[in-house]
Amino acid sequence: MKLEQSSGIGWPPKAATAMHKYRRGADQGHVTGQAHLGIFYAEGRGVARDDVQAYKWLELAIAQLAESDPSSHDEFTPQRDVLAARMTAAQLQQARKPIASLKPRPETQLKYRVTSP
């Protein structure tokens, strides 16, 4: 089974640009950004392949969906499970540890602050 994008959402043409946009959304707590960031890491799209990061972001998206709508959290579970099947036990342990530390950051915290001299 191949990791695939969710239906109805097309890939932007430039993977690096898309990666940047998904990262920004993921950092702000958007489920779509988190899930797609995980998929991009899993496939090495616009970034070096990193199964640990992929698992973290997919798991975060799944957990957030489960909180908001318990019936919809299965959308990304199969992709996470395919990823987990190719990971070592050490990688899975590493991926599961810091998930709690991945907290959404509001947009205002992501921008540079301008101060007067």
C-alpha atoms as a PDB file:
ATOM      1  CA  MET A   1       0.000   0.000   0.000  1.00  0.00           C
ATOM      2  CA  LYS A   2       1.363   3.397  -0.977  1.00  0.00           C
ATOM      3  CA  LEU A   3       1.020   6.536   1.092  1.00  0.00           C
ATOM      4  CA  GLU A   4      -1.388   8.748  -0.798  1.00  0.00           C
ATOM      5  CA  GLN A   5      -2.907  12.166  -0.514  1.00  0.00           C
ATOM      6  CA  SER A   6      -6.427  12.356   0.815  1.00  0.00           C
ATOM      7  CA  SER A   7      -9.065  12.489  -1.879  1.00  0.00           C
ATOM      8  CA  GLY A   8     -10.144  15.841  -3.201  1.00  0.00           C
ATOM      9  CA  ILE A   9      -6.994  17.731  -2.294  1.00  0.00           C
ATOM     10  CA  GLY A  10      -4.524  18.278  -5.122  1.00  0.00           C
ATOM     11  CA  TRP A  11      -0.786  18.606  -4.659  1.00  0.00           C
ATOM     12  CA  PRO A  12       0.512  22.124  -5.290  1.00  0.00           C
ATOM     13  CA  PRO A  13       2.934  22.159  -8.219  1.00  0.00           C
ATOM     14  CA  LYS A  14       6.129  22.908  -6.307  1.00  0.00           C
ATOM     15  CA  ALA A  15       6.781  20.560  -3.427  1.00  0.00           C
ATOM     16  CA  ALA A  16       9.149  22.877  -1.542  1.00  0.00           C
ATOM     17  CA  THR A  17       6.612  25.717  -1.648  1.00  0.00           C
ATOM     18  CA  ALA A  18       3.832  23.377  -0.594  1.00  0.00           C
ATOM     19  CA  MET A  19       5.989  22.011   2.223  1.00  0.00           C
ATOM     20  CA  HIS A  20       6.506  25.537   3.528  1.00  0.00           C
ATOM     21  CA  LYS A  21       2.767  26.277   3.404  1.00  0.00           C
ATOM     22  CA  TYR A  22       1.808  23.005   5.064  1.00  0.00           C
ATOM     23  CA  ARG A  23       4.433  23.556   7.770  1.00  0.00           C
ATOM     24  CA  ARG A  24       3.013  26.987   8.502  1.00  0.00           C
ATOM     25  CA  GLY A  25      -0.500  25.566   8.748  1.00  0.00           C
ATOM     26  CA  ALA A  26       0.663  22.625  10.856  1.00  0.00           C
ATOM     27  CA  ASP A  27       2.458  24.951  13.265  1.00  0.00           C
ATOM     28  CA  GLN A  28      -0.812  26.860  13.678  1.00  0.00           C
ATOM     29  CA  GLY A  29      -2.701  23.651  14.492  1.00  0.00           C
ATOM     30  CA  HIS A  30      -4.495  23.046  11.186  1.00  0.00           C
ATOM     31  CA  VAL A  31      -5.231  19.344  10.734  1.00  0.00           C
ATOM     32  CA  THR A  32      -4.836  19.467   6.948  1.00  0.00           C
ATOM     33  CA  GLY A  33      -1.415  21.075   7.293  1.00  0.00           C
ATOM     34  CA  GLN A  34      -0.360  18.527   9.908  1.00  0.00           C
ATOM     35  CA  ALA A  35      -1.497  15.555   7.840  1.00  0.00           C
ATOM     36  CA  HIS A  36       0.024  16.773   4.603  1.00  0.00           C
ATOM     37  CA  LEU A  37       3.258  17.678   6.349  1.00  0.00           C
ATOM     38  CA  GLY A  38       3.381  14.090   7.597  1.00  0.00           C
ATOM     39  CA  ILE A  39       2.750  12.758   4.095  1.00  0.00           C
ATOM     40  CA  PHE A  40       5.433  15.030   2.609  1.00  0.00           C
ATOM     41  CA  TYR A  41       7.964  13.774   5.173  1.00  0.00           C
ATOM     42  CA  ALA A  42       6.909  10.176   4.510  1.00  0.00           C
ATOM     43  CA  GLU A  43       7.379  10.516   0.754  1.00  0.00           C
ATOM     44  CA  GLY A  44      10.368  12.866   0.785  1.00  0.00           C
ATOM     45  CA  ARG A  45       8.355  15.449  -1.123  1.00  0.00           C
ATOM     46  CA  GLY A  46       9.993  18.888  -0.840  1.00  0.00           C
ATOM     47  CA  VAL A  47      12.093  17.637   2.078  1.00  0.00           C
ATOM     48  CA  ALA A  48      14.362  14.698   2.902  1.00  0.00           C
ATOM     49  CA  ARG A  49      12.304  11.610   3.784  1.00  0.00           C
ATOM     50  CA  ASP A  50      11.949  11.331   7.556  1.00  0.00           C
ATOM     51  CA  ASP A  51       9.659   8.603   8.854  1.00  0.00           C
ATOM     52  CA  VAL A  52       9.910   9.804  12.453  1.00  0.00           C
ATOM     53  CA  GLN A  53       8.721  13.320  11.554  1.00  0.00           C
ATOM     54  CA  ALA A  54       6.086  11.856   9.232  1.00  0.00           C
ATOM     55  CA  TYR A  55       4.677   9.683  11.993  1.00  0.00           C
ATOM     56  CA  LYS A  56       4.646  12.563  14.498  1.00  0.00           C
ATOM     57  CA  TRP A  57       2.671  14.869  12.230  1.00  0.00           C
ATOM     58  CA  LEU A  58       0.213  12.209  11.077  1.00  0.00           C
ATOM     59  CA  GLU A  59      -0.386  11.103  14.671  1.00  0.00           C
ATOM     60  CA  LEU A  60      -0.957  14.700  15.749  1.00  0.00           C
ATOM     61  CA  ALA A  61      -3.516  15.195  12.952  1.00  0.00           C
ATOM     62  CA  ILE A  62      -5.286  11.944  13.886  1.00  0.00           C
ATOM     63  CA  ALA A  63      -5.414  12.903  17.572  1.00  0.00           C
ATOM     64  CA  GLN A  64      -6.777  16.346  16.779  1.00  0.00           C
ATOM     65  CA  LEU A  65      -9.460  14.918  14.492  1.00  0.00           C
ATOM     66  CA  ALA A  66     -10.439  12.385  17.152  1.00  0.00           C
ATOM     67  CA  GLU A  67     -10.960  15.216  19.644  1.00  0.00           C
ATOM     68  CA  SER A  68     -13.064  17.362  17.336  1.00  0.00           C
ATOM     69  CA  ASP A  69     -15.006  14.654  15.478  1.00  0.00           C
ATOM     70  CA  PRO A  70     -14.484  11.065  16.654  1.00  0.00           C
ATOM     71  CA  SER A  71     -16.013   9.641  13.474  1.00  0.00           C
ATOM     72  CA  SER A  72     -13.521  11.399  11.170  1.00  0.00           C
ATOM     73  CA  HIS A  73     -10.175  10.501  12.747  1.00  0.00           C
ATOM     74  CA  ASP A  74      -9.801   7.416  10.540  1.00  0.00           C
ATOM     75  CA  GLU A  75      -9.057   9.500   7.448  1.00  0.00           C
ATOM     76  CA  PHE A  76      -5.269   9.450   7.994  1.00  0.00           C
ATOM     77  CA  THR A  77      -4.984   6.319  10.149  1.00  0.00           C
ATOM     78  CA  PRO A  78      -4.282   3.949   7.216  1.00  0.00           C
ATOM     79  CA  GLN A  79      -1.435   6.192   6.027  1.00  0.00           C
ATOM     80  CA  ARG A  80       0.039   6.309   9.522  1.00  0.00           C
ATOM     81  CA  ASP A  81      -0.239   2.524   9.796  1.00  0.00           C
ATOM     82  CA  VAL A  82       1.559   1.951   6.474  1.00  0.00           C
ATOM     83  CA  LEU A  83       4.295   4.244   7.694  1.00  0.00           C
ATOM     84  CA  ALA A  84       4.529   2.470  11.067  1.00  0.00           C
ATOM     85  CA  ALA A  85       4.889  -0.891   9.322  1.00  0.00           C
ATOM     86  CA  ARG A  86       8.108   0.220   7.622  1.00  0.00           C
ATOM     87  CA  MET A  87       9.604   1.773  10.763  1.00  0.00           C
ATOM     88  CA  THR A  88      11.828   0.056  13.305  1.00  0.00           C
ATOM     89  CA  ALA A  89      10.779  -0.254  16.943  1.00  0.00           C
ATOM     90  CA  ALA A  90      13.382   2.381  17.861  1.00  0.00           C
ATOM     91  CA  GLN A  91      12.001   4.806  15.257  1.00  0.00           C
ATOM     92  CA  LEU A  92       8.452   4.297  16.530  1.00  0.00           C
ATOM     93  CA  GLN A  93       9.559   4.905  20.095  1.00  0.00           C
ATOM     94  CA  GLN A  94      11.373   8.064  19.022  1.00  0.00           C
ATOM     95  CA  ALA A  95       8.355   9.261  17.017  1.00  0.00           C
ATOM     96  CA  ARG A  96       5.871   8.703  19.836  1.00  0.00           C
ATOM     97  CA  LYS A  97       7.890  10.446  22.552  1.00  0.00           C
ATOM     98  CA  PRO A  98       7.662  14.105  21.578  1.00  0.00           C
ATOM     99  CA  ILE A  99       4.155  14.142  20.104  1.00  0.00           C
ATOM    100  CA  ALA A 100       2.831  15.877  23.218  1.00  0.00           C
ATOM    101  CA  SER A 101       5.377  18.677  22.736  1.00  0.00           C
ATOM    102  CA  LEU A 102       4.070  19.542  19.261  1.00  0.00           C
ATOM    103  CA  LYS A 103       1.659  22.254  20.252  1.00  0.00           C
ATOM    104  CA  PRO A 104       0.036  24.654  17.773  1.00  0.00           C
ATOM    105  CA  ARG A 105       1.578  28.116  17.715  1.00  0.00           C
ATOM    106  CA  PRO A 106      -0.649  31.069  16.887  1.00  0.00           C
ATOM    107  CA  GLU A 107       0.264  33.037  13.772  1.00  0.00           C
ATOM    108  CA  THR A 108       1.428  36.007  15.838  1.00  0.00           C
ATOM    109  CA  GLN A 109       4.185  33.907  17.379  1.00  0.00           C
ATOM    110  CA  LEU A 110       5.512  32.898  13.969  1.00  0.00           C
ATOM    111  CA  LYS A 111       6.120  36.442  12.707  1.00  0.00           C
ATOM    112  CA  TYR A 112       9.029  38.674  13.517  1.00  0.00           C
ATOM    113  CA  ARG A 113       8.290  41.454  15.928  1.00  0.00           C
ATOM    114  CA  VAL A 114       9.264  44.967  14.964  1.00  0.00           C
ATOM    115  CA  THR A 115      10.376  47.175  17.782  1.00  0.00           C
ATOM    116  CA  SER A 116      11.182  50.869  17.817  1.00  0.00           C
ATOM    117  CA  PRO A 117      14.769  51.907  18.584  1.00  0.00           C
END
